[in-house]
Amino acid sequence: MYQISWTQPALNTLVLLRDHGIESIPRCSLALLKHMVDMTATLELAPERGRLLFETEFRRDIRECLFNDFRIIYRTHNQQVDTLTVIRARKHLSGLGPKLRQNKPPRF
C-alpha cells in the first residue's frame, strides 16, 4: 500500500480553488474538491492506474488522473504517491520533461 502525500504546490492550488475558484469556475464547489481529494486517496492501492504524460516523455514515475476538468499530476516512489500539482485539463505542463526544460526562454 502506498502512502499519499500532497505537496505544497498542489495544496496551494486546492486552497486557491476553494477560496477564489468557486466564482471563476462555477462547477468548482467544495463537494467537488472533496471528491477530488477522495479520488486521489484511492491511488494508495493502485498508483499505476494513472496515465503516463507526454510532457515527461512518458516517464513511468510521473502520472496523472483526470477528474472533471482537472489533471492531478503525481509521482510514485518508495511506496509513496506525491501529488505534484492540480491544473485545468486544457493546460500543458512546462518544465517537467527534459525537452521542455531545454526550451526555456532566456533569462534577461
N, C-alpha and C. Protein backbone atom coordinates (compact mmCIF):
# COMPACT_ATOMS: atom_id res chain seq x y z
N MET A 1 0.84 -1.18 0.00
CA MET A 1 0.00 0.00 0.00
C MET A 1 0.89 1.24 0.00
N TYR A 2 0.54 2.19 -0.84
CA TYR A 2 1.28 3.45 -0.96
C TYR A 2 0.70 4.50 -0.02
N GLN A 3 1.57 5.37 0.45
CA GLN A 3 1.14 6.49 1.27
C GLN A 3 0.93 7.70 0.36
N ILE A 4 -0.18 8.42 0.55
CA ILE A 4 -0.50 9.60 -0.25
C ILE A 4 0.04 10.84 0.46
N SER A 5 0.76 11.66 -0.29
CA SER A 5 1.30 12.90 0.25
C SER A 5 0.99 14.04 -0.71
N TRP A 6 0.38 15.08 -0.21
CA TRP A 6 0.09 16.27 -1.02
C TRP A 6 1.24 17.24 -0.87
N THR A 7 1.85 17.64 -1.98
CA THR A 7 2.93 18.62 -1.93
C THR A 7 2.32 20.01 -1.71
N GLN A 8 3.14 20.93 -1.29
CA GLN A 8 2.66 22.29 -1.02
C GLN A 8 2.07 22.97 -2.26
N PRO A 9 2.70 22.85 -3.44
CA PRO A 9 2.08 23.48 -4.62
C PRO A 9 0.69 22.93 -4.93
N ALA A 10 0.50 21.63 -4.76
CA ALA A 10 -0.82 21.04 -5.01
C ALA A 10 -1.83 21.52 -3.97
N LEU A 11 -1.41 21.59 -2.72
CA LEU A 11 -2.31 22.10 -1.67
C LEU A 11 -2.65 23.57 -1.92
N ASN A 12 -1.67 24.34 -2.36
CA ASN A 12 -1.93 25.75 -2.66
C ASN A 12 -2.99 25.89 -3.75
N THR A 13 -2.94 25.05 -4.75
CA THR A 13 -3.94 25.09 -5.81
C THR A 13 -5.32 24.77 -5.27
N LEU A 14 -5.42 23.76 -4.42
CA LEU A 14 -6.73 23.43 -3.83
C LEU A 14 -7.27 24.59 -3.00
N VAL A 15 -6.39 25.23 -2.25
CA VAL A 15 -6.82 26.38 -1.44
C VAL A 15 -7.30 27.51 -2.35
N LEU A 16 -6.56 27.78 -3.43
CA LEU A 16 -6.98 28.82 -4.37
C LEU A 16 -8.33 28.48 -5.00
N LEU A 17 -8.52 27.24 -5.37
CA LEU A 17 -9.80 26.83 -5.93
C LEU A 17 -10.92 26.99 -4.91
N ARG A 18 -10.61 26.64 -3.67
CA ARG A 18 -11.61 26.78 -2.61
C ARG A 18 -11.96 28.24 -2.37
N ASP A 19 -10.94 29.09 -2.29
CA ASP A 19 -11.16 30.47 -1.90
C ASP A 19 -11.59 31.38 -3.04
N HIS A 20 -11.03 31.15 -4.22
CA HIS A 20 -11.27 32.08 -5.33
C HIS A 20 -11.89 31.42 -6.55
N GLY A 21 -11.68 30.14 -6.69
CA GLY A 21 -12.11 29.47 -7.91
C GLY A 21 -13.59 29.26 -8.02
N ILE A 22 -14.30 29.30 -6.91
CA ILE A 22 -15.73 29.00 -6.97
C ILE A 22 -16.46 30.06 -7.79
N GLU A 23 -16.02 31.31 -7.72
CA GLU A 23 -16.65 32.33 -8.54
C GLU A 23 -16.23 32.20 -10.00
N SER A 24 -14.95 31.94 -10.25
CA SER A 24 -14.47 31.88 -11.63
C SER A 24 -14.76 30.53 -12.29
N ILE A 25 -14.90 29.49 -11.51
CA ILE A 25 -15.22 28.16 -12.04
C ILE A 25 -16.47 27.69 -11.31
N PRO A 26 -17.64 27.99 -11.82
CA PRO A 26 -18.87 27.68 -11.09
C PRO A 26 -19.01 26.21 -10.71
N ARG A 27 -18.47 25.33 -11.54
CA ARG A 27 -18.60 23.90 -11.23
C ARG A 27 -17.66 23.47 -10.11
N CYS A 28 -16.78 24.35 -9.67
CA CYS A 28 -15.80 24.01 -8.64
C CYS A 28 -16.38 24.33 -7.27
N SER A 29 -17.05 23.39 -6.70
CA SER A 29 -17.64 23.57 -5.38
C SER A 29 -16.79 22.84 -4.34
N LEU A 30 -17.13 23.04 -3.10
CA LEU A 30 -16.40 22.33 -2.04
C LEU A 30 -16.60 20.83 -2.16
N ALA A 31 -17.78 20.40 -2.57
CA ALA A 31 -18.04 18.97 -2.75
C ALA A 31 -17.14 18.41 -3.84
N LEU A 32 -16.96 19.17 -4.91
CA LEU A 32 -16.09 18.73 -6.00
C LEU A 32 -14.66 18.57 -5.51
N LEU A 33 -14.18 19.53 -4.73
CA LEU A 33 -12.82 19.45 -4.19
C LEU A 33 -12.67 18.25 -3.26
N LYS A 34 -13.69 17.99 -2.47
CA LYS A 34 -13.65 16.82 -1.58
C LYS A 34 -13.58 15.53 -2.39
N HIS A 35 -14.37 15.44 -3.46
CA HIS A 35 -14.34 14.26 -4.31
C HIS A 35 -12.96 14.09 -4.97
N MET A 36 -12.33 15.21 -5.32
CA MET A 36 -11.01 15.16 -5.93
C MET A 36 -10.00 14.58 -4.94
N VAL A 37 -10.05 15.03 -3.72
CA VAL A 37 -9.13 14.53 -2.69
C VAL A 37 -9.42 13.05 -2.41
N ASP A 38 -10.70 12.69 -2.32
CA ASP A 38 -11.07 11.29 -2.08
C ASP A 38 -10.61 10.38 -3.21
N MET A 39 -10.75 10.85 -4.46
CA MET A 39 -10.31 10.06 -5.60
C MET A 39 -8.81 9.84 -5.55
N THR A 40 -8.07 10.87 -5.16
CA THR A 40 -6.62 10.75 -5.06
C THR A 40 -6.24 9.73 -3.99
N ALA A 41 -7.01 9.66 -2.93
CA ALA A 41 -6.72 8.70 -1.86
C ALA A 41 -6.81 7.26 -2.35
N THR A 42 -7.58 7.00 -3.40
CA THR A 42 -7.69 5.63 -3.90
C THR A 42 -6.41 5.17 -4.61
N LEU A 43 -5.49 6.09 -4.88
CA LEU A 43 -4.23 5.72 -5.51
C LEU A 43 -3.35 4.89 -4.59
N GLU A 44 -3.64 4.87 -3.31
CA GLU A 44 -2.81 4.10 -2.39
C GLU A 44 -2.82 2.62 -2.71
N LEU A 45 -3.87 2.13 -3.35
CA LEU A 45 -3.94 0.71 -3.70
C LEU A 45 -3.49 0.43 -5.13
N ALA A 46 -3.62 1.40 -6.03
CA ALA A 46 -3.26 1.17 -7.43
C ALA A 46 -2.71 2.45 -8.06
N PRO A 47 -1.53 2.89 -7.67
CA PRO A 47 -0.99 4.14 -8.19
C PRO A 47 -0.65 4.09 -9.68
N GLU A 48 -0.44 2.91 -10.21
CA GLU A 48 -0.08 2.79 -11.62
C GLU A 48 -1.28 2.94 -12.55
N ARG A 49 -2.46 3.12 -12.01
CA ARG A 49 -3.65 3.24 -12.85
C ARG A 49 -3.71 4.57 -13.60
N GLY A 50 -2.99 5.58 -13.12
CA GLY A 50 -2.96 6.85 -13.82
C GLY A 50 -2.21 6.72 -15.14
N ARG A 51 -2.50 7.62 -16.06
CA ARG A 51 -1.84 7.52 -17.36
C ARG A 51 -0.53 8.29 -17.37
N LEU A 52 0.38 7.85 -18.24
CA LEU A 52 1.68 8.49 -18.39
C LEU A 52 1.52 9.81 -19.14
N LEU A 53 2.45 10.72 -18.94
CA LEU A 53 2.37 12.06 -19.52
C LEU A 53 3.32 12.23 -20.69
N PHE A 54 2.81 12.75 -21.78
CA PHE A 54 3.69 13.03 -22.92
C PHE A 54 4.67 14.14 -22.59
N GLU A 55 4.28 15.06 -21.69
CA GLU A 55 5.16 16.18 -21.33
C GLU A 55 6.44 15.71 -20.65
N THR A 56 6.42 14.53 -20.06
CA THR A 56 7.60 14.00 -19.38
C THR A 56 8.22 12.86 -20.17
N GLU A 57 7.85 12.79 -21.47
CA GLU A 57 8.32 11.71 -22.34
C GLU A 57 7.97 10.35 -21.75
N PHE A 58 6.80 10.27 -21.15
CA PHE A 58 6.22 9.03 -20.65
C PHE A 58 7.06 8.36 -19.55
N ARG A 59 7.64 9.17 -18.69
CA ARG A 59 8.34 8.62 -17.52
C ARG A 59 7.36 7.79 -16.72
N ARG A 60 7.79 6.66 -16.23
CA ARG A 60 6.89 5.74 -15.54
C ARG A 60 6.56 6.19 -14.11
N ASP A 61 7.36 7.09 -13.55
CA ASP A 61 7.12 7.50 -12.17
C ASP A 61 6.20 8.72 -12.05
N ILE A 62 5.93 9.40 -13.16
CA ILE A 62 5.04 10.57 -13.13
C ILE A 62 3.80 10.25 -13.96
N ARG A 63 2.64 10.39 -13.33
CA ARG A 63 1.38 10.03 -13.97
C ARG A 63 0.33 11.09 -13.66
N GLU A 64 -0.83 10.89 -14.25
CA GLU A 64 -1.93 11.80 -13.99
C GLU A 64 -3.24 11.03 -13.91
N CYS A 65 -4.14 11.58 -13.11
CA CYS A 65 -5.53 11.14 -13.09
C CYS A 65 -6.37 12.33 -13.51
N LEU A 66 -7.36 12.06 -14.30
CA LEU A 66 -8.28 13.12 -14.72
C LEU A 66 -9.48 13.11 -13.80
N PHE A 67 -9.89 14.29 -13.40
CA PHE A 67 -11.06 14.43 -12.55
C PHE A 67 -11.82 15.67 -13.01
N ASN A 68 -12.99 15.45 -13.59
CA ASN A 68 -13.77 16.54 -14.18
C ASN A 68 -12.90 17.34 -15.12
N ASP A 69 -12.72 18.63 -14.88
CA ASP A 69 -11.91 19.48 -15.76
C ASP A 69 -10.49 19.65 -15.25
N PHE A 70 -10.00 18.74 -14.43
CA PHE A 70 -8.69 18.90 -13.80
C PHE A 70 -7.80 17.70 -14.06
N ARG A 71 -6.50 17.98 -14.08
CA ARG A 71 -5.47 16.95 -14.14
C ARG A 71 -4.77 16.95 -12.78
N ILE A 72 -4.73 15.80 -12.14
CA ILE A 72 -4.00 15.64 -10.89
C ILE A 72 -2.70 14.92 -11.25
N ILE A 73 -1.60 15.64 -11.19
CA ILE A 73 -0.30 15.09 -11.58
C ILE A 73 0.39 14.58 -10.31
N TYR A 74 0.90 13.36 -10.38
CA TYR A 74 1.54 12.78 -9.20
C TYR A 74 2.76 11.96 -9.60
N ARG A 75 3.61 11.73 -8.59
CA ARG A 75 4.83 10.95 -8.77
C ARG A 75 4.82 9.80 -7.77
N THR A 76 5.25 8.64 -8.21
CA THR A 76 5.35 7.49 -7.32
C THR A 76 6.83 7.20 -7.06
N HIS A 77 7.13 6.90 -5.82
CA HIS A 77 8.48 6.48 -5.43
C HIS A 77 8.45 5.94 -4.02
N ASN A 78 9.24 4.92 -3.77
CA ASN A 78 9.40 4.35 -2.42
C ASN A 78 8.07 4.15 -1.69
N GLN A 79 7.12 3.50 -2.35
CA GLN A 79 5.81 3.22 -1.73
C GLN A 79 5.08 4.50 -1.32
N GLN A 80 5.31 5.57 -2.05
CA GLN A 80 4.66 6.84 -1.76
C GLN A 80 4.15 7.46 -3.04
N VAL A 81 3.02 8.15 -2.94
CA VAL A 81 2.46 8.92 -4.03
C VAL A 81 2.48 10.38 -3.62
N ASP A 82 3.22 11.20 -4.37
CA ASP A 82 3.28 12.63 -4.11
C ASP A 82 2.47 13.35 -5.17
N THR A 83 1.43 14.06 -4.77
CA THR A 83 0.71 14.88 -5.73
C THR A 83 1.57 16.10 -6.01
N LEU A 84 1.87 16.32 -7.27
CA LEU A 84 2.76 17.41 -7.66
C LEU A 84 2.00 18.69 -7.94
N THR A 85 0.87 18.57 -8.65
CA THR A 85 0.09 19.75 -8.98
C THR A 85 -1.30 19.34 -9.42
N VAL A 86 -2.18 20.31 -9.40
CA VAL A 86 -3.54 20.17 -9.92
C VAL A 86 -3.72 21.31 -10.91
N ILE A 87 -4.02 20.97 -12.15
CA ILE A 87 -4.19 22.00 -13.17
C ILE A 87 -5.44 21.73 -13.98
N ARG A 88 -5.90 22.74 -14.70
CA ARG A 88 -7.03 22.57 -15.61
C ARG A 88 -6.65 21.57 -16.68
N ALA A 89 -7.58 20.77 -17.14
CA ALA A 89 -7.30 19.71 -18.09
C ALA A 89 -6.77 20.23 -19.41
N ARG A 90 -7.11 21.45 -19.78
CA ARG A 90 -6.67 22.00 -21.06
C ARG A 90 -5.24 22.51 -21.04
N LYS A 91 -4.66 22.65 -19.85
CA LYS A 91 -3.30 23.21 -19.75
C LYS A 91 -2.26 22.10 -19.91
N HIS A 92 -1.11 22.48 -20.48
CA HIS A 92 0.02 21.57 -20.58
C HIS A 92 1.02 21.94 -19.50
N LEU A 93 1.77 20.96 -19.08
CA LEU A 93 2.82 21.21 -18.10
C LEU A 93 4.02 21.82 -18.79
N SER A 94 4.76 22.60 -18.07
CA SER A 94 6.02 23.11 -18.60
C SER A 94 7.09 22.91 -17.54
N GLY A 95 8.25 22.48 -17.99
CA GLY A 95 9.37 22.33 -17.07
C GLY A 95 9.54 20.96 -16.47
N LEU A 96 8.65 19.99 -16.73
CA LEU A 96 8.83 18.67 -16.14
C LEU A 96 9.62 17.73 -17.04
N GLY A 97 9.44 17.82 -18.34
CA GLY A 97 10.12 16.93 -19.28
C GLY A 97 11.45 17.50 -19.71
N PRO A 98 12.41 16.63 -20.07
CA PRO A 98 13.72 17.11 -20.48
C PRO A 98 13.66 18.04 -21.68
N LYS A 99 12.84 17.74 -22.68
CA LYS A 99 12.75 18.61 -23.85
C LYS A 99 12.19 19.97 -23.47
N LEU A 100 11.22 19.99 -22.58
CA LEU A 100 10.62 21.25 -22.18
C LEU A 100 11.62 22.09 -21.38
N ARG A 101 12.43 21.46 -20.58
CA ARG A 101 13.42 22.20 -19.79
C ARG A 101 14.45 22.85 -20.70
N GLN A 102 14.80 22.20 -21.80
CA GLN A 102 15.81 22.76 -22.70
C GLN A 102 15.26 23.96 -23.46
N ASN A 103 13.96 24.07 -23.58
CA ASN A 103 13.35 25.13 -24.38
C ASN A 103 12.87 26.31 -23.55
N LYS A 104 13.40 26.48 -22.37
CA LYS A 104 13.01 27.64 -21.57
C LYS A 104 13.51 28.91 -22.23
N PRO A 105 12.73 29.99 -22.11
CA PRO A 105 13.21 31.24 -22.69
C PRO A 105 14.44 31.74 -21.94
N PRO A 106 15.27 32.52 -22.61
CA PRO A 106 16.46 33.04 -21.92
C PRO A 106 16.09 34.01 -20.82
N ARG A 107 16.92 34.05 -19.81
CA ARG A 107 16.70 34.99 -18.69
C ARG A 107 17.36 36.32 -19.04
N PHE A 108 16.67 37.39 -18.73
CA PHE A 108 17.22 38.72 -19.00
C PHE A 108 17.62 39.40 -17.73
